[in-house]
Amino acid sequence: MKKKYFVSALFALFSLMVFSNITMGSSGPVAFTPDLIFGFKPVPEGTIITHEFTIKNKGNAVLHIKRVKTG
């Protein structure tokens, strides 16, 4: 009976180690930008204004930017 509990506990510990290594060890893509918000100054209506945001991937997998939402 003790052997059965020991094997079950050992399996649970092994599963926990594998799961934590998968979730914590591989971070995947991580988008980083130094400035998340840019405040435009008031301009006359109809004026075209632009701003470039720099986005860096600080993760260890390819970062795919599939959608951008403006505020």
N, C-alpha and C. Protein backbone atom coordinates (compact mmCIF):
# COMPACT_ATOMS: atom_id res chain seq x y z
N MET A 1 0.82 -1.20 0.00
CA MET A 1 0.00 0.00 0.00
C MET A 1 0.86 1.26 0.00
N LYS A 2 1.93 1.26 0.82
CA LYS A 2 2.82 2.42 0.89
C LYS A 2 3.51 2.65 -0.45
N LYS A 3 3.84 1.55 -1.13
CA LYS A 3 4.51 1.66 -2.42
C LYS A 3 3.60 2.33 -3.44
N LYS A 4 2.31 2.03 -3.40
CA LYS A 4 1.35 2.62 -4.32
C LYS A 4 1.27 4.13 -4.11
N TYR A 5 1.21 4.57 -2.84
CA TYR A 5 1.18 6.01 -2.54
C TYR A 5 2.48 6.69 -2.94
N PHE A 6 3.60 6.00 -2.73
CA PHE A 6 4.89 6.55 -3.09
C PHE A 6 4.99 6.75 -4.60
N VAL A 7 4.55 5.77 -5.36
CA VAL A 7 4.58 5.86 -6.83
C VAL A 7 3.64 6.98 -7.29
N SER A 8 2.47 7.08 -6.68
CA SER A 8 1.52 8.15 -7.04
C SER A 8 2.10 9.52 -6.72
N ALA A 9 2.73 9.66 -5.56
CA ALA A 9 3.34 10.93 -5.18
C ALA A 9 4.50 11.27 -6.10
N LEU A 10 5.29 10.27 -6.44
CA LEU A 10 6.42 10.49 -7.35
C LEU A 10 5.93 10.93 -8.73
N PHE A 11 4.86 10.31 -9.23
CA PHE A 11 4.28 10.69 -10.51
C PHE A 11 3.74 12.11 -10.47
N ALA A 12 3.06 12.47 -9.38
CA ALA A 12 2.52 13.83 -9.24
C ALA A 12 3.65 14.85 -9.21
N LEU A 13 4.71 14.55 -8.48
CA LEU A 13 5.85 15.47 -8.42
C LEU A 13 6.51 15.62 -9.78
N PHE A 14 6.69 14.52 -10.50
CA PHE A 14 7.27 14.56 -11.83
C PHE A 14 6.40 15.39 -12.78
N SER A 15 5.07 15.17 -12.71
CA SER A 15 4.14 15.94 -13.56
C SER A 15 4.22 17.42 -13.26
N LEU A 16 4.29 17.77 -11.99
CA LEU A 16 4.40 19.17 -11.59
C LEU A 16 5.70 19.79 -12.11
N MET A 17 6.79 19.05 -12.04
CA MET A 17 8.08 19.56 -12.54
C MET A 17 8.02 19.78 -14.04
N VAL A 18 7.46 18.85 -14.76
CA VAL A 18 7.36 18.98 -16.22
C VAL A 18 6.46 20.15 -16.58
N PHE A 19 5.30 20.27 -15.93
CA PHE A 19 4.37 21.35 -16.22
C PHE A 19 4.99 22.71 -15.91
N SER A 20 5.67 22.84 -14.78
CA SER A 20 6.27 24.13 -14.43
C SER A 20 7.40 24.48 -15.37
N ASN A 21 8.12 23.50 -15.87
CA ASN A 21 9.19 23.76 -16.83
C ASN A 21 8.61 24.24 -18.15
N ILE A 22 7.48 23.67 -18.55
CA ILE A 22 6.87 24.09 -19.80
C ILE A 22 6.33 25.51 -19.69
N THR A 23 5.65 25.82 -18.60
CA THR A 23 5.02 27.13 -18.48
C THR A 23 6.00 28.22 -18.08
N MET A 24 7.00 27.90 -17.28
CA MET A 24 7.91 28.93 -16.80
C MET A 24 9.20 28.97 -17.63
N GLY A 25 9.64 27.84 -18.15
CA GLY A 25 10.91 27.79 -18.84
C GLY A 25 10.86 28.37 -20.24
N SER A 26 9.76 28.24 -20.92
CA SER A 26 9.65 28.77 -22.26
C SER A 26 8.65 29.91 -22.25
N SER A 27 9.15 31.11 -22.39
CA SER A 27 8.28 32.27 -22.26
C SER A 27 7.51 32.58 -23.53
N GLY A 28 7.93 32.06 -24.67
CA GLY A 28 7.26 32.38 -25.92
C GLY A 28 7.55 33.80 -26.33
N PRO A 29 6.74 34.36 -27.23
CA PRO A 29 6.97 35.74 -27.64
C PRO A 29 6.55 36.72 -26.55
N VAL A 30 7.33 37.79 -26.41
CA VAL A 30 7.02 38.82 -25.42
C VAL A 30 7.18 40.18 -26.10
N ALA A 31 6.06 40.86 -26.34
CA ALA A 31 6.10 42.18 -26.98
C ALA A 31 6.52 43.21 -25.95
N PHE A 32 7.47 44.06 -26.32
CA PHE A 32 7.94 45.12 -25.44
C PHE A 32 8.00 46.41 -26.22
N THR A 33 7.49 47.47 -25.64
CA THR A 33 7.62 48.80 -26.21
C THR A 33 7.89 49.78 -25.08
N PRO A 34 8.87 50.64 -25.24
CA PRO A 34 9.21 51.57 -24.16
C PRO A 34 8.09 52.56 -23.85
N ASP A 35 7.32 52.95 -24.84
CA ASP A 35 6.23 53.90 -24.60
C ASP A 35 4.92 53.32 -25.14
N LEU A 36 4.04 52.93 -24.22
CA LEU A 36 2.77 52.32 -24.61
C LEU A 36 1.77 53.35 -25.10
N ILE A 37 1.90 54.59 -24.63
CA ILE A 37 0.93 55.63 -24.96
C ILE A 37 1.69 56.84 -25.50
N PHE A 38 1.12 57.44 -26.52
CA PHE A 38 1.67 58.69 -27.06
C PHE A 38 0.53 59.69 -27.14
N GLY A 39 0.71 60.82 -26.50
CA GLY A 39 -0.32 61.84 -26.50
C GLY A 39 -0.06 62.89 -27.57
N PHE A 40 -0.93 62.94 -28.57
CA PHE A 40 -0.80 63.95 -29.61
C PHE A 40 -1.26 65.30 -29.07
N LYS A 41 -0.56 66.34 -29.47
CA LYS A 41 -0.98 67.70 -29.11
C LYS A 41 -2.14 68.11 -30.01
N PRO A 42 -2.94 69.06 -29.59
CA PRO A 42 -4.06 69.51 -30.43
C PRO A 42 -3.57 70.03 -31.78
N VAL A 43 -4.30 69.63 -32.83
CA VAL A 43 -3.99 70.07 -34.20
C VAL A 43 -5.29 70.48 -34.87
N PRO A 44 -5.21 71.27 -35.91
CA PRO A 44 -6.43 71.64 -36.64
C PRO A 44 -7.10 70.41 -37.24
N GLU A 45 -8.41 70.42 -37.29
CA GLU A 45 -9.17 69.31 -37.84
C GLU A 45 -8.77 69.06 -39.29
N GLY A 46 -8.62 67.77 -39.63
CA GLY A 46 -8.24 67.39 -41.00
C GLY A 46 -6.74 67.23 -41.18
N THR A 47 -5.94 67.60 -40.19
CA THR A 47 -4.50 67.45 -40.28
C THR A 47 -4.12 65.98 -40.12
N ILE A 48 -3.24 65.49 -40.97
CA ILE A 48 -2.77 64.11 -40.87
C ILE A 48 -1.57 64.10 -39.94
N ILE A 49 -1.65 63.28 -38.90
CA ILE A 49 -0.54 63.16 -37.96
C ILE A 49 -0.15 61.69 -37.85
N THR A 50 1.12 61.46 -37.59
CA THR A 50 1.61 60.09 -37.47
C THR A 50 2.56 59.99 -36.27
N HIS A 51 2.73 58.76 -35.82
CA HIS A 51 3.71 58.45 -34.78
C HIS A 51 4.13 57.00 -34.95
N GLU A 52 5.40 56.72 -34.82
CA GLU A 52 5.90 55.36 -34.95
C GLU A 52 6.19 54.79 -33.56
N PHE A 53 5.63 53.62 -33.29
CA PHE A 53 5.92 52.90 -32.06
C PHE A 53 6.95 51.82 -32.38
N THR A 54 7.93 51.68 -31.52
CA THR A 54 8.92 50.61 -31.66
C THR A 54 8.47 49.44 -30.80
N ILE A 55 8.37 48.27 -31.41
CA ILE A 55 7.98 47.06 -30.70
C ILE A 55 9.11 46.06 -30.85
N LYS A 56 9.59 45.55 -29.73
CA LYS A 56 10.67 44.56 -29.74
C LYS A 56 10.14 43.26 -29.15
N ASN A 57 10.65 42.16 -29.65
CA ASN A 57 10.32 40.85 -29.13
C ASN A 57 11.40 40.45 -28.14
N LYS A 58 11.07 40.42 -26.87
CA LYS A 58 12.04 40.02 -25.84
C LYS A 58 11.85 38.58 -25.42
N GLY A 59 11.05 37.84 -26.15
CA GLY A 59 10.82 36.43 -25.84
C GLY A 59 11.73 35.54 -26.66
N ASN A 60 11.45 34.25 -26.60
CA ASN A 60 12.29 33.29 -27.30
C ASN A 60 11.53 32.57 -28.43
N ALA A 61 10.46 33.20 -28.92
CA ALA A 61 9.71 32.64 -30.05
C ALA A 61 9.31 33.80 -30.96
N VAL A 62 8.88 33.47 -32.15
CA VAL A 62 8.50 34.49 -33.13
C VAL A 62 7.26 35.23 -32.65
N LEU A 63 7.30 36.56 -32.74
CA LEU A 63 6.16 37.40 -32.35
C LEU A 63 5.39 37.77 -33.60
N HIS A 64 4.11 37.41 -33.63
CA HIS A 64 3.23 37.75 -34.76
C HIS A 64 2.27 38.84 -34.29
N ILE A 65 2.30 40.00 -34.95
CA ILE A 65 1.35 41.07 -34.64
C ILE A 65 0.24 40.94 -35.66
N LYS A 66 -0.91 40.49 -35.21
CA LYS A 66 -2.01 40.20 -36.12
C LYS A 66 -3.04 41.32 -36.19
N ARG A 67 -3.08 42.17 -35.18
CA ARG A 67 -4.09 43.23 -35.17
C ARG A 67 -3.55 44.39 -34.35
N VAL A 68 -3.86 45.59 -34.79
CA VAL A 68 -3.50 46.80 -34.07
C VAL A 68 -4.77 47.61 -33.89
N LYS A 69 -5.01 48.06 -32.68
CA LYS A 69 -6.22 48.83 -32.37
C LYS A 69 -5.80 50.23 -31.96
N THR A 70 -6.40 51.22 -32.58
CA THR A 70 -6.11 52.60 -32.23
C THR A 70 -7.12 53.08 -31.21
N GLY A 71 -6.73 54.10 -30.48
CA GLY A 71 -7.63 54.60 -29.43
C GLY A 71 -8.25 55.83 -29.89
